[in-house]
Amino acid sequence: MSKAFTGMVAGIALAFAAVLGGAGAFLLVAALGGLGWAIGAWFDGGGRVRDLRETVERVRR
């Protein structure tokens, strides 16, 4: 699946959330979409717990 198509689907989902649920639903869908993207990117990179721990430690500094 192309990145353009994925972006289009995400945009449509956000638009439906904004129209049907208002600003709160829009923000919830955007936040959960971002979390899903982060988890997917982590799994694409190997999904090692050590990498996740190093990232958290790097952010705290």
Protein backbone atom coordinates (compact mmCIF):
# COMPACT_ATOMS: atom_id res chain seq x y z
CA MET A 1 0.00 0.00 0.00
CA SER A 2 1.43 3.40 -0.93
CA LYS A 3 2.06 6.15 1.59
CA ALA A 4 -0.21 8.50 -0.35
CA PHE A 5 -3.11 6.05 -0.09
CA THR A 6 -2.47 5.50 3.61
CA GLY A 7 -2.43 9.26 4.17
CA MET A 8 -5.66 9.65 2.25
CA VAL A 9 -7.38 6.98 4.36
CA ALA A 10 -6.13 8.61 7.56
CA GLY A 11 -7.42 11.99 6.36
CA ILE A 12 -10.83 10.55 5.58
CA ALA A 13 -11.00 8.92 9.02
CA LEU A 14 -10.10 12.21 10.70
CA ALA A 15 -12.67 14.07 8.61
CA PHE A 16 -15.43 11.63 9.59
CA ALA A 17 -14.43 11.90 13.25
CA ALA A 18 -14.54 15.71 13.07
CA VAL A 19 -17.91 15.78 11.33
CA LEU A 20 -19.63 13.10 13.40
CA GLY A 21 -18.02 13.55 16.80
CA GLY A 22 -16.69 17.08 16.97
CA ALA A 23 -13.29 18.31 18.07
CA GLY A 24 -12.89 15.79 20.89
CA ALA A 25 -13.37 12.83 18.57
CA PHE A 26 -11.01 14.40 16.03
CA LEU A 27 -8.27 14.72 18.64
CA LEU A 28 -8.84 11.19 19.93
CA VAL A 29 -8.64 9.71 16.43
CA ALA A 30 -5.51 11.76 15.67
CA ALA A 31 -3.82 10.68 18.93
CA LEU A 32 -4.66 7.01 18.47
CA GLY A 33 -3.54 7.20 14.84
CA GLY A 34 -0.20 8.62 15.93
CA LEU A 35 0.18 5.92 18.55
CA GLY A 36 -0.64 3.25 15.97
CA TRP A 37 1.91 4.72 13.58
CA ALA A 38 4.59 4.72 16.29
CA ILE A 39 3.90 1.09 17.23
CA GLY A 40 3.91 0.06 13.57
CA ALA A 41 7.19 1.85 12.94
CA TRP A 42 8.68 0.18 16.01
CA PHE A 43 7.64 -3.27 14.75
CA ASP A 44 8.98 -2.47 11.27
CA GLY A 45 12.34 -1.65 12.85
CA GLY A 46 12.59 -5.02 14.59
CA GLY A 47 10.40 -4.43 17.62
CA ARG A 48 13.06 -4.97 20.28
CA VAL A 49 12.25 -3.91 23.85
CA ARG A 50 15.82 -2.66 24.29
CA ASP A 51 15.30 -0.12 21.49
CA LEU A 52 12.13 1.15 23.17
CA ARG A 53 13.89 1.51 26.52
CA GLU A 54 16.80 3.40 24.91
CA THR A 55 14.38 5.79 23.21
CA VAL A 56 12.60 6.54 26.50
CA GLU A 57 15.92 7.16 28.25
CA ARG A 58 17.07 9.45 25.44
CA VAL A 59 13.87 11.53 25.71
CA ARG A 60 14.31 11.96 29.48
CA ARG A 61 17.76 13.54 29.06
